Amino acid sequence: MIGHVIGDSDMITGFKLVGIKGTEVTTIDQANHALNQALSNNTIAIIILSETFAAEPPIRKQIDKIRQEKITPIILELPDSKSPKSNTKLSDTISKILGIKI
């Protein structure tokens, strides 16, 4: 089982550095399409999705439905470069998820 990232170029690059492939998206339609493709791939166990796109109503509705009906894939929502700034670095969040220091 593998993971897949859906987000902006910075997010994709960060995960690519630790060996996790992803789909770079810039619009809601692209994000929705990438999510549907990832969901149709039964080898993907974890989908990491940009908070920016996960907050959009059509995607939010789909994520909520998946979480209610299925055990896998796990869908994690993480901040991207467009998310409001927080004190937590993306690299720290990735390190916690993967259990490695990057």
PDB file of N, CA and C in Angstrom:
ATOM      1  N   MET A   1       0.843  -1.178   0.000  1.00  0.00           N
ATOM      2  CA  MET A   1       0.000   0.000   0.000  1.00  0.00           C
ATOM      3  C   MET A   1       0.890   1.244   0.000  1.00  0.00           C
ATOM      4  N   ILE A   2       0.406   2.245  -0.686  1.00  0.00           N
ATOM      5  CA  ILE A   2       1.212   3.447  -0.845  1.00  0.00           C
ATOM      6  C   ILE A   2       0.409   4.696  -0.499  1.00  0.00           C
ATOM      7  N   GLY A   3       1.114   5.819  -0.467  1.00  0.00           N
ATOM      8  CA  GLY A   3       0.482   7.103  -0.229  1.00  0.00           C
ATOM      9  C   GLY A   3       0.535   7.944  -1.488  1.00  0.00           C
ATOM     10  N   HIS A   4      -0.318   8.965  -1.523  1.00  0.00           N
ATOM     11  CA  HIS A   4      -0.375   9.876  -2.662  1.00  0.00           C
ATOM     12  C   HIS A   4      -0.714  11.269  -2.139  1.00  0.00           C
ATOM     13  N   VAL A   5      -0.029  12.278  -2.670  1.00  0.00           N
ATOM     14  CA  VAL A   5      -0.223  13.661  -2.243  1.00  0.00           C
ATOM     15  C   VAL A   5      -0.921  14.443  -3.350  1.00  0.00           C
ATOM     16  N   ILE A   6      -1.851  15.308  -2.945  1.00  0.00           N
ATOM     17  CA  ILE A   6      -2.537  16.194  -3.876  1.00  0.00           C
ATOM     18  C   ILE A   6      -2.417  17.605  -3.309  1.00  0.00           C
ATOM     19  N   GLY A   7      -1.730  18.475  -4.063  1.00  0.00           N
ATOM     20  CA  GLY A   7      -1.549  19.832  -3.564  1.00  0.00           C
ATOM     21  C   GLY A   7      -0.740  20.687  -4.510  1.00  0.00           C
ATOM     22  N   ASP A   8      -0.250  21.806  -3.975  1.00  0.00           N
ATOM     23  CA  ASP A   8       0.536  22.731  -4.792  1.00  0.00           C
ATOM     24  C   ASP A   8       1.960  22.205  -5.001  1.00  0.00           C
ATOM     25  N   SER A   9       2.724  22.903  -5.801  1.00  0.00           N
ATOM     26  CA  SER A   9       4.056  22.421  -6.175  1.00  0.00           C
ATOM     27  C   SER A   9       4.986  22.278  -4.978  1.00  0.00           C
ATOM     28  N   ASP A  10       4.917  23.199  -4.009  1.00  0.00           N
ATOM     29  CA  ASP A  10       5.766  23.092  -2.826  1.00  0.00           C
ATOM     30  C   ASP A  10       5.454  21.830  -2.033  1.00  0.00           C
ATOM     31  N   MET A  11       4.188  21.540  -1.883  1.00  0.00           N
ATOM     32  CA  MET A  11       3.761  20.357  -1.144  1.00  0.00           C
ATOM     33  C   MET A  11       4.210  19.079  -1.850  1.00  0.00           C
ATOM     34  N   ILE A  12       4.015  19.045  -3.153  1.00  0.00           N
ATOM     35  CA  ILE A  12       4.403  17.875  -3.935  1.00  0.00           C
ATOM     36  C   ILE A  12       5.907  17.651  -3.853  1.00  0.00           C
ATOM     37  N   THR A  13       6.675  18.718  -4.001  1.00  0.00           N
ATOM     38  CA  THR A  13       8.132  18.616  -3.947  1.00  0.00           C
ATOM     39  C   THR A  13       8.600  18.089  -2.593  1.00  0.00           C
ATOM     40  N   GLY A  14       8.012  18.601  -1.513  1.00  0.00           N
ATOM     41  CA  GLY A  14       8.392  18.158  -0.178  1.00  0.00           C
ATOM     42  C   GLY A  14       8.189  16.667   0.011  1.00  0.00           C
ATOM     43  N   PHE A  15       7.069  16.162  -0.417  1.00  0.00           N
ATOM     44  CA  PHE A  15       6.802  14.731  -0.266  1.00  0.00           C
ATOM     45  C   PHE A  15       7.614  13.893  -1.254  1.00  0.00           C
ATOM     46  N   LYS A  16       7.868  14.440  -2.431  1.00  0.00           N
ATOM     47  CA  LYS A  16       8.661  13.714  -3.423  1.00  0.00           C
ATOM     48  C   LYS A  16      10.067  13.435  -2.869  1.00  0.00           C
ATOM     49  N   LEU A  17      10.579  14.371  -2.060  1.00  0.00           N
ATOM     50  CA  LEU A  17      11.905  14.208  -1.475  1.00  0.00           C
ATOM     51  C   LEU A  17      11.996  12.994  -0.554  1.00  0.00           C
ATOM     52  N   VAL A  18      10.861  12.560  -0.006  1.00  0.00           N
ATOM     53  CA  VAL A  18      10.868  11.382   0.856  1.00  0.00           C
ATOM     54  C   VAL A  18      10.244  10.169   0.158  1.00  0.00           C
ATOM     55  N   GLY A  19      10.079  10.268  -1.163  1.00  0.00           N
ATOM     56  CA  GLY A  19       9.653   9.115  -1.946  1.00  0.00           C
ATOM     57  C   GLY A  19       8.163   8.930  -2.114  1.00  0.00           C
ATOM     58  N   ILE A  20       7.376   9.941  -1.789  1.00  0.00           N
ATOM     59  CA  ILE A  20       5.926   9.826  -1.954  1.00  0.00           C
ATOM     60  C   ILE A  20       5.510  10.621  -3.181  1.00  0.00           C
ATOM     61  N   LYS A  21       4.865   9.941  -4.109  1.00  0.00           N
ATOM     62  CA  LYS A  21       4.434  10.583  -5.346  1.00  0.00           C
ATOM     63  C   LYS A  21       3.170  11.395  -5.123  1.00  0.00           C
ATOM     64  N   GLY A  22       2.922  12.315  -6.056  1.00  0.00           N
ATOM     65  CA  GLY A  22       1.741  13.138  -5.914  1.00  0.00           C
ATOM     66  C   GLY A  22       1.299  13.758  -7.211  1.00  0.00           C
ATOM     67  N   THR A  23       0.225  14.511  -7.115  1.00  0.00           N
ATOM     68  CA  THR A  23      -0.339  15.214  -8.254  1.00  0.00           C
ATOM     69  C   THR A  23      -0.399  16.697  -7.910  1.00  0.00           C
ATOM     70  N   GLU A  24       0.287  17.505  -8.720  1.00  0.00           N
ATOM     71  CA  GLU A  24       0.245  18.946  -8.523  1.00  0.00           C
ATOM     72  C   GLU A  24      -1.039  19.492  -9.123  1.00  0.00           C
ATOM     73  N   VAL A  25      -1.761  20.273  -8.333  1.00  0.00           N
ATOM     74  CA  VAL A  25      -3.015  20.863  -8.794  1.00  0.00           C
ATOM     75  C   VAL A  25      -3.027  22.358  -8.471  1.00  0.00           C
ATOM     76  N   THR A  26      -3.762  23.104  -9.303  1.00  0.00           N
ATOM     77  CA  THR A  26      -3.879  24.542  -9.069  1.00  0.00           C
ATOM     78  C   THR A  26      -5.331  25.010  -9.024  1.00  0.00           C
ATOM     79  N   THR A  27      -6.259  24.135  -9.376  1.00  0.00           N
ATOM     80  CA  THR A  27      -7.677  24.502  -9.364  1.00  0.00           C
ATOM     81  C   THR A  27      -8.490  23.451  -8.604  1.00  0.00           C
ATOM     82  N   ILE A  28      -9.698  23.828  -8.231  1.00  0.00           N
ATOM     83  CA  ILE A  28     -10.590  22.901  -7.541  1.00  0.00           C
ATOM     84  C   ILE A  28     -10.923  21.713  -8.442  1.00  0.00           C
ATOM     85  N   ASP A  29     -11.170  21.981  -9.722  1.00  0.00           N
ATOM     86  CA  ASP A  29     -11.488  20.895 -10.656  1.00  0.00           C
ATOM     87  C   ASP A  29     -10.338  19.902 -10.759  1.00  0.00           C
ATOM     88  N   GLN A  30      -9.111  20.407 -10.839  1.00  0.00           N
ATOM     89  CA  GLN A  30      -7.942  19.524 -10.902  1.00  0.00           C
ATOM     90  C   GLN A  30      -7.821  18.704  -9.618  1.00  0.00           C
ATOM     91  N   ALA A  31      -8.045  19.347  -8.473  1.00  0.00           N
ATOM     92  CA  ALA A  31      -7.952  18.646  -7.193  1.00  0.00           C
ATOM     93  C   ALA A  31      -9.020  17.564  -7.097  1.00  0.00           C
ATOM     94  N   ASN A  32     -10.228  17.872  -7.530  1.00  0.00           N
ATOM     95  CA  ASN A  32     -11.317  16.899  -7.488  1.00  0.00           C
ATOM     96  C   ASN A  32     -11.011  15.711  -8.400  1.00  0.00           C
ATOM     97  N   HIS A  33     -10.496  15.997  -9.587  1.00  0.00           N
ATOM     98  CA  HIS A  33     -10.126  14.933 -10.524  1.00  0.00           C
ATOM     99  C   HIS A  33      -9.002  14.071  -9.940  1.00  0.00           C
ATOM    100  N   ALA A  34      -7.982  14.706  -9.361  1.00  0.00           N
ATOM    101  CA  ALA A  34      -6.863  13.965  -8.769  1.00  0.00           C
ATOM    102  C   ALA A  34      -7.338  13.104  -7.600  1.00  0.00           C
ATOM    103  N   LEU A  35      -8.257  13.631  -6.798  1.00  0.00           N
ATOM    104  CA  LEU A  35      -8.802  12.853  -5.687  1.00  0.00           C
ATOM    105  C   LEU A  35      -9.556  11.636  -6.200  1.00  0.00           C
ATOM    106  N   ASN A  36     -10.371  11.818  -7.224  1.00  0.00           N
ATOM    107  CA  ASN A  36     -11.113  10.690  -7.795  1.00  0.00           C
ATOM    108  C   ASN A  36     -10.176   9.629  -8.365  1.00  0.00           C
ATOM    109  N   GLN A  37      -9.103  10.061  -9.012  1.00  0.00           N
ATOM    110  CA  GLN A  37      -8.130   9.100  -9.541  1.00  0.00           C
ATOM    111  C   GLN A  37      -7.460   8.335  -8.409  1.00  0.00           C
ATOM    112  N   ALA A  38      -7.076   9.041  -7.362  1.00  0.00           N
ATOM    113  CA  ALA A  38      -6.430   8.382  -6.224  1.00  0.00           C
ATOM    114  C   ALA A  38      -7.388   7.398  -5.559  1.00  0.00           C
ATOM    115  N   LEU A  39      -8.647   7.767  -5.440  1.00  0.00           N
ATOM    116  CA  LEU A  39      -9.640   6.884  -4.828  1.00  0.00           C
ATOM    117  C   LEU A  39      -9.888   5.629  -5.664  1.00  0.00           C
ATOM    118  N   SER A  40      -9.723   5.737  -6.968  1.00  0.00           N
ATOM    119  CA  SER A  40      -9.953   4.575  -7.836  1.00  0.00           C
ATOM    120  C   SER A  40      -8.766   3.606  -7.836  1.00  0.00           C
ATOM    121  N   ASN A  41      -7.650   4.026  -7.277  1.00  0.00           N
ATOM    122  CA  ASN A  41      -6.459   3.174  -7.204  1.00  0.00           C
ATOM    123  C   ASN A  41      -6.462   2.466  -5.850  1.00  0.00           C
ATOM    124  N   ASN A  42      -6.787   1.178  -5.846  1.00  0.00           N
ATOM    125  CA  ASN A  42      -6.916   0.462  -4.578  1.00  0.00           C
ATOM    126  C   ASN A  42      -5.586   0.129  -3.905  1.00  0.00           C
ATOM    127  N   THR A  43      -4.468   0.532  -4.483  1.00  0.00           N
ATOM    128  CA  THR A  43      -3.182   0.345  -3.814  1.00  0.00           C
ATOM    129  C   THR A  43      -2.821   1.550  -2.945  1.00  0.00           C
ATOM    130  N   ILE A  44      -3.587   2.630  -3.052  1.00  0.00           N
ATOM    131  CA  ILE A  44      -3.320   3.834  -2.262  1.00  0.00           C
ATOM    132  C   ILE A  44      -4.059   3.729  -0.933  1.00  0.00           C
ATOM    133  N   ALA A  45      -3.296   3.736   0.156  1.00  0.00           N
ATOM    134  CA  ALA A  45      -3.866   3.612   1.491  1.00  0.00           C
ATOM    135  C   ALA A  45      -4.002   4.954   2.194  1.00  0.00           C
ATOM    136  N   ILE A  46      -3.162   5.919   1.811  1.00  0.00           N
ATOM    137  CA  ILE A  46      -3.190   7.241   2.431  1.00  0.00           C
ATOM    138  C   ILE A  46      -3.184   8.302   1.344  1.00  0.00           C
ATOM    139  N   ILE A  47      -4.132   9.219   1.431  1.00  0.00           N
ATOM    140  CA  ILE A  47      -4.168  10.367   0.524  1.00  0.00           C
ATOM    141  C   ILE A  47      -3.916  11.605   1.375  1.00  0.00           C
ATOM    142  N   ILE A  48      -2.886  12.342   1.017  1.00  0.00           N
ATOM    143  CA  ILE A  48      -2.552  13.584   1.711  1.00  0.00           C
ATOM    144  C   ILE A  48      -3.021  14.717   0.816  1.00  0.00           C
ATOM    145  N   LEU A  49      -3.939  15.517   1.329  1.00  0.00           N
ATOM    146  CA  LEU A  49      -4.607  16.532   0.526  1.00  0.00           C
ATOM    147  C   LEU A  49      -4.387  17.914   1.131  1.00  0.00           C
ATOM    148  N   SER A  50      -4.121  18.862   0.287  1.00  0.00           N
ATOM    149  CA  SER A  50      -3.954  20.249   0.699  1.00  0.00           C
ATOM    150  C   SER A  50      -5.215  20.761   1.397  1.00  0.00           C
ATOM    151  N   GLU A  51      -5.032  21.436   2.545  1.00  0.00           N
ATOM    152  CA  GLU A  51      -6.167  22.042   3.253  1.00  0.00           C
ATOM    153  C   GLU A  51      -6.943  23.010   2.369  1.00  0.00           C
ATOM    154  N   THR A  52      -6.224  23.713   1.518  1.00  0.00           N
ATOM    155  CA  THR A  52      -6.853  24.699   0.643  1.00  0.00           C
ATOM    156  C   THR A  52      -7.925  24.056  -0.219  1.00  0.00           C
ATOM    157  N   PHE A  53      -7.622  22.913  -0.800  1.00  0.00           N
ATOM    158  CA  PHE A  53      -8.586  22.234  -1.664  1.00  0.00           C
ATOM    159  C   PHE A  53      -9.587  21.405  -0.864  1.00  0.00           C
ATOM    160  N   ALA A  54      -9.161  20.851   0.260  1.00  0.00           N
ATOM    161  CA  ALA A  54     -10.064  20.039   1.085  1.00  0.00           C
ATOM    162  C   ALA A  54     -11.212  20.870   1.647  1.00  0.00           C
ATOM    163  N   ALA A  55     -11.003  22.165   1.792  1.00  0.00           N
ATOM    164  CA  ALA A  55     -12.042  23.048   2.347  1.00  0.00           C
ATOM    165  C   ALA A  55     -13.128  23.407   1.337  1.00  0.00           C
ATOM    166  N   GLU A  56     -12.874  23.173   0.068  1.00  0.00           N
ATOM    167  CA  GLU A  56     -13.855  23.521  -0.968  1.00  0.00           C
ATOM    168  C   GLU A  56     -15.063  22.584  -0.880  1.00  0.00           C
ATOM    169  N   PRO A  57     -16.294  23.131  -0.936  1.00  0.00           N
ATOM    170  CA  PRO A  57     -17.508  22.336  -0.710  1.00  0.00           C
ATOM    171  C   PRO A  57     -17.617  21.015  -1.475  1.00  0.00           C
ATOM    172  N   PRO A  58     -17.342  20.956  -2.792  1.00  0.00           N
ATOM    173  CA  PRO A  58     -17.523  19.649  -3.448  1.00  0.00           C
ATOM    174  C   PRO A  58     -16.524  18.597  -2.950  1.00  0.00           C
ATOM    175  N   ILE A  59     -15.327  19.022  -2.657  1.00  0.00           N
ATOM    176  CA  ILE A  59     -14.304  18.082  -2.173  1.00  0.00           C
ATOM    177  C   ILE A  59     -14.570  17.729  -0.716  1.00  0.00           C
ATOM    178  N   ARG A  60     -14.940  18.726   0.085  1.00  0.00           N
ATOM    179  CA  ARG A  60     -15.253  18.498   1.507  1.00  0.00           C
ATOM    180  C   ARG A  60     -16.351  17.454   1.643  1.00  0.00           C
ATOM    181  N   LYS A  61     -17.396  17.579   0.822  1.00  0.00           N
ATOM    182  CA  LYS A  61     -18.520  16.643   0.868  1.00  0.00           C
ATOM    183  C   LYS A  61     -18.047  15.220   0.546  1.00  0.00           C
ATOM    184  N   GLN A  62     -17.197  15.102  -0.457  1.00  0.00           N
ATOM    185  CA  GLN A  62     -16.688  13.786  -0.849  1.00  0.00           C
ATOM    186  C   GLN A  62     -15.808  13.185   0.247  1.00  0.00           C
ATOM    187  N   ILE A  63     -14.947  13.994   0.847  1.00  0.00           N
ATOM    188  CA  ILE A  63     -14.079  13.510   1.925  1.00  0.00           C
ATOM    189  C   ILE A  63     -14.924  13.017   3.104  1.00  0.00           C
ATOM    190  N   ASP A  64     -15.914  13.801   3.499  1.00  0.00           N
ATOM    191  CA  ASP A  64     -16.767  13.411   4.618  1.00  0.00           C
ATOM    192  C   ASP A  64     -17.489  12.098   4.338  1.00  0.00           C
ATOM    193  N   LYS A  65     -17.970  11.921   3.112  1.00  0.00           N
ATOM    194  CA  LYS A  65     -18.660  10.685   2.741  1.00  0.00           C
ATOM    195  C   LYS A  65     -17.707   9.487   2.804  1.00  0.00           C
ATOM    196  N   ILE A  66     -16.506   9.662   2.288  1.00  0.00           N
ATOM    197  CA  ILE A  66     -15.510   8.583   2.303  1.00  0.00           C
ATOM    198  C   ILE A  66     -15.186   8.187   3.737  1.00  0.00           C
ATOM    199  N   ARG A  67     -14.986   9.176   4.593  1.00  0.00           N
ATOM    200  CA  ARG A  67     -14.647   8.902   5.991  1.00  0.00           C
ATOM    201  C   ARG A  67     -15.770   8.169   6.713  1.00  0.00           C
ATOM    202  N   GLN A  68     -17.010   8.412   6.346  1.00  0.00           N
ATOM    203  CA  GLN A  68     -18.142   7.735   6.974  1.00  0.00           C
ATOM    204  C   GLN A  68     -18.323   6.313   6.466  1.00  0.00           C
ATOM    205  N   GLU A  69     -17.985   6.073   5.195  1.00  0.00           N
ATOM    206  CA  GLU A  69     -18.308   4.798   4.563  1.00  0.00           C
ATOM    207  C   GLU A  69     -17.151   3.820   4.458  1.00  0.00           C
ATOM    208  N   LYS A  70     -15.912   4.304   4.554  1.00  0.00           N
ATOM    209  CA  LYS A  70     -14.770   3.426   4.297  1.00  0.00           C
ATOM    210  C   LYS A  70     -13.709   3.553   5.382  1.00  0.00           C
ATOM    211  N   ILE A  71     -12.954   2.494   5.533  1.00  0.00           N
ATOM    212  CA  ILE A  71     -11.811   2.521   6.449  1.00  0.00           C
ATOM    213  C   ILE A  71     -10.586   3.066   5.727  1.00  0.00           C
ATOM    214  N   THR A  72     -10.420   2.662   4.497  1.00  0.00           N
ATOM    215  CA  THR A  72      -9.304   3.161   3.690  1.00  0.00           C
ATOM    216  C   THR A  72      -9.845   3.725   2.387  1.00  0.00           C
ATOM    217  N   PRO A  73      -9.199   4.658   1.819  1.00  0.00           N
ATOM    218  CA  PRO A  73      -7.932   5.232   2.233  1.00  0.00           C
ATOM    219  C   PRO A  73      -8.117   6.249   3.359  1.00  0.00           C
ATOM    220  N   ILE A  74      -7.067   6.425   4.120  1.00  0.00           N
ATOM    221  CA  ILE A  74      -7.039   7.484   5.118  1.00  0.00           C
ATOM    222  C   ILE A  74      -6.768   8.782   4.360  1.00  0.00           C
ATOM    223  N   ILE A  75      -7.534   9.810   4.652  1.00  0.00           N
ATOM    224  CA  ILE A  75      -7.329  11.101   3.995  1.00  0.00           C
ATOM    225  C   ILE A  75      -6.856  12.101   5.042  1.00  0.00           C
ATOM    226  N   LEU A  76      -5.632  12.581   4.848  1.00  0.00           N
ATOM    227  CA  LEU A  76      -5.046  13.578   5.741  1.00  0.00           C
ATOM    228  C   LEU A  76      -5.074  14.930   5.058  1.00  0.00           C
ATOM    229  N   GLU A  77      -5.473  15.942   5.787  1.00  0.00           N
ATOM    230  CA  GLU A  77      -5.490  17.301   5.254  1.00  0.00           C
ATOM    231  C   GLU A  77      -4.344  18.072   5.906  1.00  0.00           C
ATOM    232  N   LEU A  78      -3.455  18.582   5.063  1.00  0.00           N
ATOM    233  CA  LEU A  78      -2.296  19.307   5.568  1.00  0.00           C
ATOM    234  C   LEU A  78      -2.230  20.703   4.972  1.00  0.00           C
ATOM    235  N   PRO A  79      -1.644  21.635   5.705  1.00  0.00           N
ATOM    236  CA  PRO A  79      -1.488  22.981   5.158  1.00  0.00           C
ATOM    237  C   PRO A  79      -0.555  22.986   3.954  1.00  0.00           C
ATOM    238  N   ASP A  80      -0.800  23.905   3.040  1.00  0.00           N
ATOM    239  CA  ASP A  80       0.098  24.088   1.908  1.00  0.00           C
ATOM    240  C   ASP A  80       0.601  25.518   1.939  1.00  0.00           C
ATOM    241  N   SER A  81       1.265  25.947   0.891  1.00  0.00           N
ATOM    242  CA  SER A  81       1.842  27.290   0.873  1.00  0.00           C
ATOM    243  C   SER A  81       0.790  28.391   0.862  1.00  0.00           C
ATOM    244  N   LYS A  82      -0.472  28.064   0.533  1.00  0.00           N
ATOM    245  CA  LYS A  82      -1.544  29.062   0.518  1.00  0.00           C
ATOM    246  C   LYS A  82      -2.335  29.103   1.823  1.00  0.00           C
ATOM    247  N   SER A  83      -2.113  28.121   2.685  1.00  0.00           N
ATOM    248  CA  SER A  83      -2.829  28.065   3.955  1.00  0.00           C
ATOM    249  C   SER A  83      -2.348  29.172   4.882  1.00  0.00           C
ATOM    250  N   PRO A  84      -3.221  29.587   5.792  1.00  0.00           N
ATOM    251  CA  PRO A  84      -2.781  30.597   6.761  1.00  0.00           C
ATOM    252  C   PRO A  84      -1.543  30.093   7.500  1.00  0.00           C
ATOM    253  N   LYS A  85      -0.638  30.996   7.762  1.00  0.00           N
ATOM    254  CA  LYS A  85       0.614  30.622   8.409  1.00  0.00           C
ATOM    255  C   LYS A  85       0.359  30.145   9.836  1.00  0.00           C
ATOM    256  N   SER A  86       1.014  29.050  10.188  1.00  0.00           N
ATOM    257  CA  SER A  86       0.967  28.552  11.551  1.00  0.00           C
ATOM    258  C   SER A  86       2.398  28.400  12.035  1.00  0.00           C
ATOM    259  N   ASN A  87       2.536  28.070  13.273  1.00  0.00           N
ATOM    260  CA  ASN A  87       3.873  27.905  13.838  1.00  0.00           C
ATOM    261  C   ASN A  87       4.481  26.554  13.493  1.00  0.00           C
ATOM    262  N   THR A  88       3.697  25.658  12.918  1.00  0.00           N
ATOM    263  CA  THR A  88       4.181  24.333  12.569  1.00  0.00           C
ATOM    264  C   THR A  88       4.668  24.321  11.130  1.00  0.00           C
ATOM    265  N   LYS A  89       5.900  23.894  10.938  1.00  0.00           N
ATOM    266  CA  LYS A  89       6.458  23.794   9.592  1.00  0.00           C
ATOM    267  C   LYS A  89       5.922  22.543   8.918  1.00  0.00           C
ATOM    268  N   LEU A  90       5.755  22.607   7.597  1.00  0.00           N
ATOM    269  CA  LEU A  90       5.300  21.448   6.843  1.00  0.00           C
ATOM    270  C   LEU A  90       6.263  20.287   7.020  1.00  0.00           C
ATOM    271  N   SER A  91       7.568  20.569   7.054  1.00  0.00           N
ATOM    272  CA  SER A  91       8.551  19.496   7.223  1.00  0.00           C
ATOM    273  C   SER A  91       8.376  18.794   8.570  1.00  0.00           C
ATOM    274  N   ASP A  92       7.984  19.535   9.620  1.00  0.00           N
ATOM    275  CA  ASP A  92       7.735  18.915  10.922  1.00  0.00           C
ATOM    276  C   ASP A  92       6.515  18.001  10.870  1.00  0.00           C
ATOM    277  N   THR A  93       5.475  18.445  10.175  1.00  0.00           N
ATOM    278  CA  THR A  93       4.270  17.639  10.033  1.00  0.00           C
ATOM    279  C   THR A  93       4.577  16.360   9.264  1.00  0.00           C
ATOM    280  N   ILE A  94       5.334  16.480   8.182  1.00  0.00           N
ATOM    281  CA  ILE A  94       5.718  15.306   7.383  1.00  0.00           C
ATOM    282  C   ILE A  94       6.533  14.347   8.240  1.00  0.00           C
ATOM    283  N   SER A  95       7.466  14.883   8.996  1.00  0.00           N
ATOM    284  CA  SER A  95       8.299  14.049   9.878  1.00  0.00           C
ATOM    285  C   SER A  95       7.446  13.262  10.865  1.00  0.00           C
ATOM    286  N   LYS A  96       6.427  13.917  11.438  1.00  0.00           N
ATOM    287  CA  LYS A  96       5.545  13.224  12.379  1.00  0.00           C
ATOM    288  C   LYS A  96       4.767  12.115  11.697  1.00  0.00           C
ATOM    289  N   ILE A  97       4.260  12.381  10.506  1.00  0.00           N
ATOM    290  CA  ILE A  97       3.471  11.383   9.791  1.00  0.00           C
ATOM    291  C   ILE A  97       4.324  10.183   9.418  1.00  0.00           C
ATOM    292  N   LEU A  98       5.526  10.452   8.890  1.00  0.00           N
ATOM    293  CA  LEU A  98       6.371   9.373   8.399  1.00  0.00           C
ATOM    294  C   LEU A  98       7.254   8.749   9.470  1.00  0.00           C
ATOM    295  N   GLY A  99       7.399   9.443  10.591  1.00  0.00           N
ATOM    296  CA  GLY A  99       8.242   8.921  11.656  1.00  0.00           C
ATOM    297  C   GLY A  99       9.725   9.062  11.365  1.00  0.00           C
ATOM    298  N   ILE A 100      10.082  10.007  10.489  1.00  0.00           N
ATOM    299  CA  ILE A 100      11.493  10.253  10.170  1.00  0.00           C
ATOM    300  C   ILE A 100      11.776  11.734  10.226  1.00  0.00           C
ATOM    301  N   LYS A 101      13.019  12.074  10.444  1.00  0.00           N
ATOM    302  CA  LYS A 101      13.426  13.473  10.451  1.00  0.00           C
ATOM    303  C   LYS A 101      13.862  13.869   9.059  1.00  0.00           C
ATOM    304  N   ILE A 102      13.261  14.954   8.543  1.00  0.00           N
ATOM    305  CA  ILE A 102      13.690  15.438   7.221  1.00  0.00           C
ATOM    306  C   ILE A 102      14.236  16.834   7.332  1.00  0.00           C
TER     307      ILE A 102
END
